[in-house]
Protein backbone atom coordinates (compact mmCIF):
# COMPACT_ATOMS: atom_id res chain seq x y z
CA UNK A 1 0.02 -0.14 0.03
CA UNK A 2 1.27 3.57 -0.60
CA UNK A 3 2.44 5.59 2.43
CA UNK A 4 0.66 8.80 1.64
CA UNK A 5 2.37 10.53 4.33
CA UNK A 6 5.70 9.98 2.65
CA UNK A 7 4.51 11.34 -0.90
CA UNK A 8 5.82 14.84 -1.79
CA UNK A 9 5.97 14.79 -5.51
CA UNK A 10 4.64 12.90 -8.28
CA UNK A 11 6.23 11.60 -11.48
CA UNK A 12 3.96 10.62 -14.33
CA UNK A 13 4.34 8.62 -17.28
CA UNK A 14 2.55 10.04 -20.62
CA UNK A 15 1.90 7.63 -23.38
CA UNK A 16 -0.69 4.85 -22.52
CA UNK A 17 -1.16 6.69 -18.89
CA UNK A 18 -2.65 9.97 -20.03
CA UNK A 19 -3.62 8.89 -23.55
CA UNK A 20 -3.36 5.80 -25.99
CA UNK A 21 -0.16 6.13 -28.01
CA UNK A 22 -0.88 3.80 -30.89
CA UNK A 23 -3.99 5.90 -32.30
CA UNK A 24 -1.82 9.04 -31.98
CA UNK A 25 1.05 7.52 -33.74
CA UNK A 26 -1.49 6.06 -36.85
CA UNK A 27 -2.96 9.61 -37.17
CA UNK A 28 0.28 11.23 -37.42
CA UNK A 29 1.42 8.71 -39.83
CA UNK A 30 -1.61 9.53 -42.00
CA UNK A 31 -0.83 13.32 -41.84
CA UNK A 32 2.62 12.50 -43.10
CA UNK A 33 1.33 10.30 -45.86
CA UNK A 34 -0.87 13.07 -47.16
CA UNK A 35 1.75 15.81 -46.92
CA UNK A 36 4.30 13.56 -48.78
CA UNK A 37 1.72 12.34 -51.33
CA UNK A 38 2.04 15.84 -53.21
CA UNK A 39 5.69 16.30 -52.56
CA UNK A 40 7.59 13.18 -52.76
CA UNK A 41 4.67 10.36 -53.88
CA UNK A 42 7.38 7.37 -54.19
CA UNK A 43 8.56 8.17 -50.59
CA UNK A 44 4.97 8.17 -49.56
CA UNK A 45 4.31 4.78 -51.02
CA UNK A 46 7.37 3.12 -49.68
CA UNK A 47 6.25 4.64 -46.00
CA UNK A 48 2.68 3.29 -46.25
CA UNK A 49 4.02 -0.25 -46.53
CA UNK A 50 4.23 -1.43 -43.01
CA UNK A 51 7.07 -4.16 -43.52
CA UNK A 52 9.20 -1.45 -45.39
CA UNK A 53 8.74 1.10 -42.90
CA UNK A 54 9.61 -1.27 -40.22
CA UNK A 55 12.64 -2.29 -42.23
CA UNK A 56 13.88 1.09 -42.44
CA UNK A 57 13.47 1.80 -38.53
CA UNK A 58 15.65 -1.59 -37.88
CA UNK A 59 18.18 -0.28 -40.42
CA UNK A 60 18.35 3.15 -38.57
CA UNK A 61 18.68 1.37 -35.27
CA UNK A 62 21.23 -1.20 -36.51
CA UNK A 63 23.53 1.36 -37.96
CA UNK A 64 23.27 4.09 -35.52
CA UNK A 65 22.64 2.77 -32.21
CA UNK A 66 23.67 6.02 -30.68
CA UNK A 67 20.01 7.20 -31.53
CA UNK A 68 18.31 4.85 -29.22
CA UNK A 69 16.64 7.29 -27.27
CA UNK A 70 16.06 9.98 -29.99
CA UNK A 71 12.88 8.99 -31.49
CA UNK A 72 12.64 12.43 -33.74
CA UNK A 73 15.98 11.64 -35.26
CA UNK A 74 15.24 7.98 -35.68
CA UNK A 75 12.02 8.86 -37.59
CA UNK A 76 13.88 11.84 -39.41
CA UNK A 77 16.65 9.43 -40.69
CA UNK A 78 14.03 7.03 -41.86
CA UNK A 79 12.28 9.63 -43.86
CA UNK A 80 15.75 10.63 -45.54
CA UNK A 81 16.42 7.10 -46.17
CA UNK A 82 13.24 6.77 -47.97
CA UNK A 83 13.40 9.77 -50.11
CA UNK A 84 17.15 8.80 -51.11
CA UNK A 85 16.06 5.06 -51.99
CA UNK A 86 13.31 6.31 -54.33
CA UNK A 87 15.47 9.26 -55.70
CA UNK A 88 13.40 12.05 -54.24
CA UNK A 89 15.03 15.04 -52.52
CA UNK A 90 16.22 14.11 -48.91
CA UNK A 91 15.93 17.91 -47.95
CA UNK A 92 12.38 17.07 -47.53
CA UNK A 93 13.04 14.92 -44.35
CA UNK A 94 13.07 17.68 -41.94
CA UNK A 95 9.90 19.36 -42.95
CA UNK A 96 8.29 15.93 -43.59
CA UNK A 97 9.16 15.06 -39.89
CA UNK A 98 7.73 18.46 -38.63
CA UNK A 99 4.30 17.41 -40.10
CA UNK A 100 4.53 13.90 -38.45
CA UNK A 101 5.89 15.67 -34.86
CA UNK A 102 2.64 18.07 -34.95
CA UNK A 103 0.80 15.23 -35.41
CA UNK A 104 2.12 13.25 -32.58
CA UNK A 105 0.98 15.96 -30.12
CA UNK A 106 -2.65 15.72 -31.34
CA UNK A 107 -3.62 13.12 -28.75
CA UNK A 108 -6.94 11.92 -27.33
CA UNK A 109 -6.83 12.09 -23.45
CA UNK A 110 -8.40 9.50 -21.56
CA UNK A 111 -11.38 10.80 -19.79
CA UNK A 112 -10.04 10.48 -16.51
CA UNK A 113 -6.81 12.28 -17.38
CA UNK A 114 -7.38 15.91 -16.84
CA UNK A 115 -9.41 15.53 -13.93
CA UNK A 116 -6.68 13.39 -12.45
CA UNK A 117 -4.12 16.05 -13.43
CA UNK A 118 -6.22 18.87 -11.75
CA UNK A 119 -6.16 16.67 -8.51
CA UNK A 120 -2.49 15.99 -8.27
CA UNK A 121 -1.01 19.18 -9.40
CA UNK A 122 -3.19 21.11 -6.86
CA UNK A 123 -1.42 18.57 -4.40
CA UNK A 124 1.97 18.14 -5.45
CA UNK A 125 4.68 19.14 -7.82
CA UNK A 126 4.10 16.73 -10.96
CA UNK A 127 6.83 15.96 -13.28
CA UNK A 128 6.47 14.18 -16.61
CA UNK A 129 8.76 11.38 -17.19
CA UNK A 130 8.62 9.63 -20.42
CA UNK A 131 10.57 7.52 -23.09
CA UNK A 132 8.45 9.29 -25.86
CA UNK A 133 8.64 12.43 -27.58
CA UNK A 134 5.41 14.28 -26.63
CA UNK A 135 5.47 17.78 -25.40
CA UNK A 136 2.95 18.48 -22.47
CA UNK A 137 3.38 22.33 -23.54
CA UNK A 138 2.25 21.57 -27.31
CA UNK A 139 -0.37 19.26 -26.19
CA UNK A 140 -1.87 21.88 -23.80
CA UNK A 141 -1.08 20.20 -20.34
CA UNK A 142 1.70 22.26 -19.38
CA UNK A 143 0.26 24.13 -16.67
CA UNK A 144 -0.30 20.59 -14.61
CA UNK A 145 3.58 19.94 -14.41
CA UNK A 146 6.65 21.59 -12.71
CA UNK A 147 8.79 19.88 -15.20
CA UNK A 148 8.92 17.61 -18.06
CA UNK A 149 12.00 15.08 -18.50
CA UNK A 150 12.16 12.76 -21.68
CA UNK A 151 14.64 10.24 -22.64
CA UNK A 152 15.18 12.22 -25.86
CA UNK A 153 16.46 15.49 -24.32
CA UNK A 154 17.98 13.58 -21.00
CA UNK A 155 19.81 10.94 -23.21
CA UNK A 156 18.84 7.92 -20.92
CA UNK A 157 15.40 6.57 -20.63
CA UNK A 158 13.32 4.30 -18.15
CA UNK A 159 14.15 2.02 -16.34
CA UNK A 160 17.66 3.68 -15.83
CA UNK A 161 17.99 5.06 -12.52
CA UNK A 162 19.32 8.29 -13.53
CA UNK A 163 16.18 9.65 -15.25
CA UNK A 164 14.27 8.72 -12.25
CA UNK A 165 16.60 10.64 -10.10
CA UNK A 166 16.62 13.66 -12.19
CA UNK A 167 12.76 13.94 -12.13
CA UNK A 168 13.02 13.92 -8.16
CA UNK A 169 15.59 16.50 -8.42
CA UNK A 170 13.33 18.67 -10.61
CA UNK A 171 10.46 18.12 -8.20
CA UNK A 172 12.69 19.20 -5.48
CA UNK A 173 12.38 16.13 -3.23
CA UNK A 174 14.28 12.95 -2.72
CA UNK A 175 13.61 9.72 -4.50
CA UNK A 176 11.98 7.90 -1.66
CA UNK A 177 9.30 10.84 -1.66
CA UNK A 178 8.28 10.51 -5.11
CA UNK A 179 5.33 8.47 -6.02
CA UNK A 180 5.46 7.25 -9.78
CA UNK A 181 2.78 6.57 -11.83
CA UNK A 182 2.69 4.72 -15.11
CA UNK A 183 1.34 2.02 -17.32
CA UNK A 184 4.60 -0.19 -18.16
CA UNK A 185 5.44 -2.92 -15.67
CA UNK A 186 9.08 -2.77 -16.46
CA UNK A 187 9.83 0.67 -17.52
CA UNK A 188 7.76 2.45 -15.00
CA UNK A 189 7.21 0.08 -12.03
CA UNK A 190 10.33 -1.88 -11.95
CA UNK A 191 12.29 1.22 -12.62
CA UNK A 192 10.82 3.45 -9.72
CA UNK A 193 11.17 0.64 -7.41
CA UNK A 194 14.74 0.35 -7.96
CA UNK A 195 15.20 4.07 -6.90
CA UNK A 196 13.26 3.50 -3.91
CA UNK A 197 10.22 5.35 -4.98
CA UNK A 198 6.63 4.33 -4.23
CA UNK A 199 4.81 3.19 -7.45
CA UNK A 200 1.35 3.03 -8.81
CA UNK A 201 0.86 0.69 -12.01
CA UNK A 202 -2.06 2.07 -14.33
CA UNK A 203 -3.37 -1.24 -15.52
CA UNK A 204 -6.11 -0.18 -18.20
CA UNK A 205 -6.19 -3.37 -20.03
CA UNK A 206 -6.42 -5.89 -16.86
CA UNK A 207 -2.84 -7.45 -17.76
CA UNK A 208 -1.61 -10.03 -15.27
CA UNK A 209 1.58 -8.51 -13.23
CA UNK A 210 4.65 -10.16 -14.88
CA UNK A 211 7.38 -9.65 -12.18
CA UNK A 212 8.19 -10.76 -8.66
CA UNK A 213 8.57 -7.31 -7.39
CA UNK A 214 5.21 -5.82 -6.70
CA UNK A 215 3.99 -2.08 -7.51
CA UNK A 216 2.41 -0.54 -4.01
CA UNK A 217 -0.88 -0.19 -5.99
CA UNK A 218 -2.59 -1.37 -8.95
CA UNK A 219 -5.25 0.56 -10.78
CA UNK A 220 -7.66 0.37 -13.56
CA UNK A 221 -7.77 4.09 -14.22
CA UNK A 222 -6.84 7.52 -12.84
CA UNK A 223 -10.12 7.97 -11.03
CA UNK A 224 -9.15 4.73 -8.88
CA UNK A 225 -5.61 6.42 -8.31
CA UNK A 226 -7.13 10.00 -7.21
CA UNK A 227 -9.16 7.89 -4.56
CA UNK A 228 -6.01 6.25 -2.99
CA UNK A 229 -4.36 9.74 -2.42
CA UNK A 230 -7.49 11.56 -1.00
């Protein structure tokens, strides 16, 4: 169980905790396709093929492992390689990625997300902690957060201890005074537990818990989370 008296700050995952990520990515892919059709139609056709797109990603990751946490750079390089492979202008890669990235910020919040953010931000400093490249400011949620730390900017991702400790520091508290909330059993919960944080696993899909170490609490939605902290 959570020791509420010890909680002085919240760190909060974003993708699949506040909104579903894959519908967001799919919509951004469609927007990118529409942009490319008029400017680089052969590239649009290549990237519309799931197998070829995934192969490009694997190629980038294999040849540029230093980009492991740089999601924006990975996708930009994918687009550039696609353009080059079909003989179209590689200078279109950056503006094409900008279209995708703008679409990636157009999220559909879970219905419990905004009420939970209002509840949490009124009581604690809240720090966004994500391996993705969403911008809480671009999405319109920046007012709820003391800070936002992403693996892309920080250079290290969850479950590494460094990014959790950076989030605690951004909140102005020690790690054992943080309650971390997220949907990923390994990246969020095990990573935070290893740093001495309390944890809540947001299990919206009723998955079985896969590890020996346990979260302090499991909730099916963020309404249940706020009830735990009242």
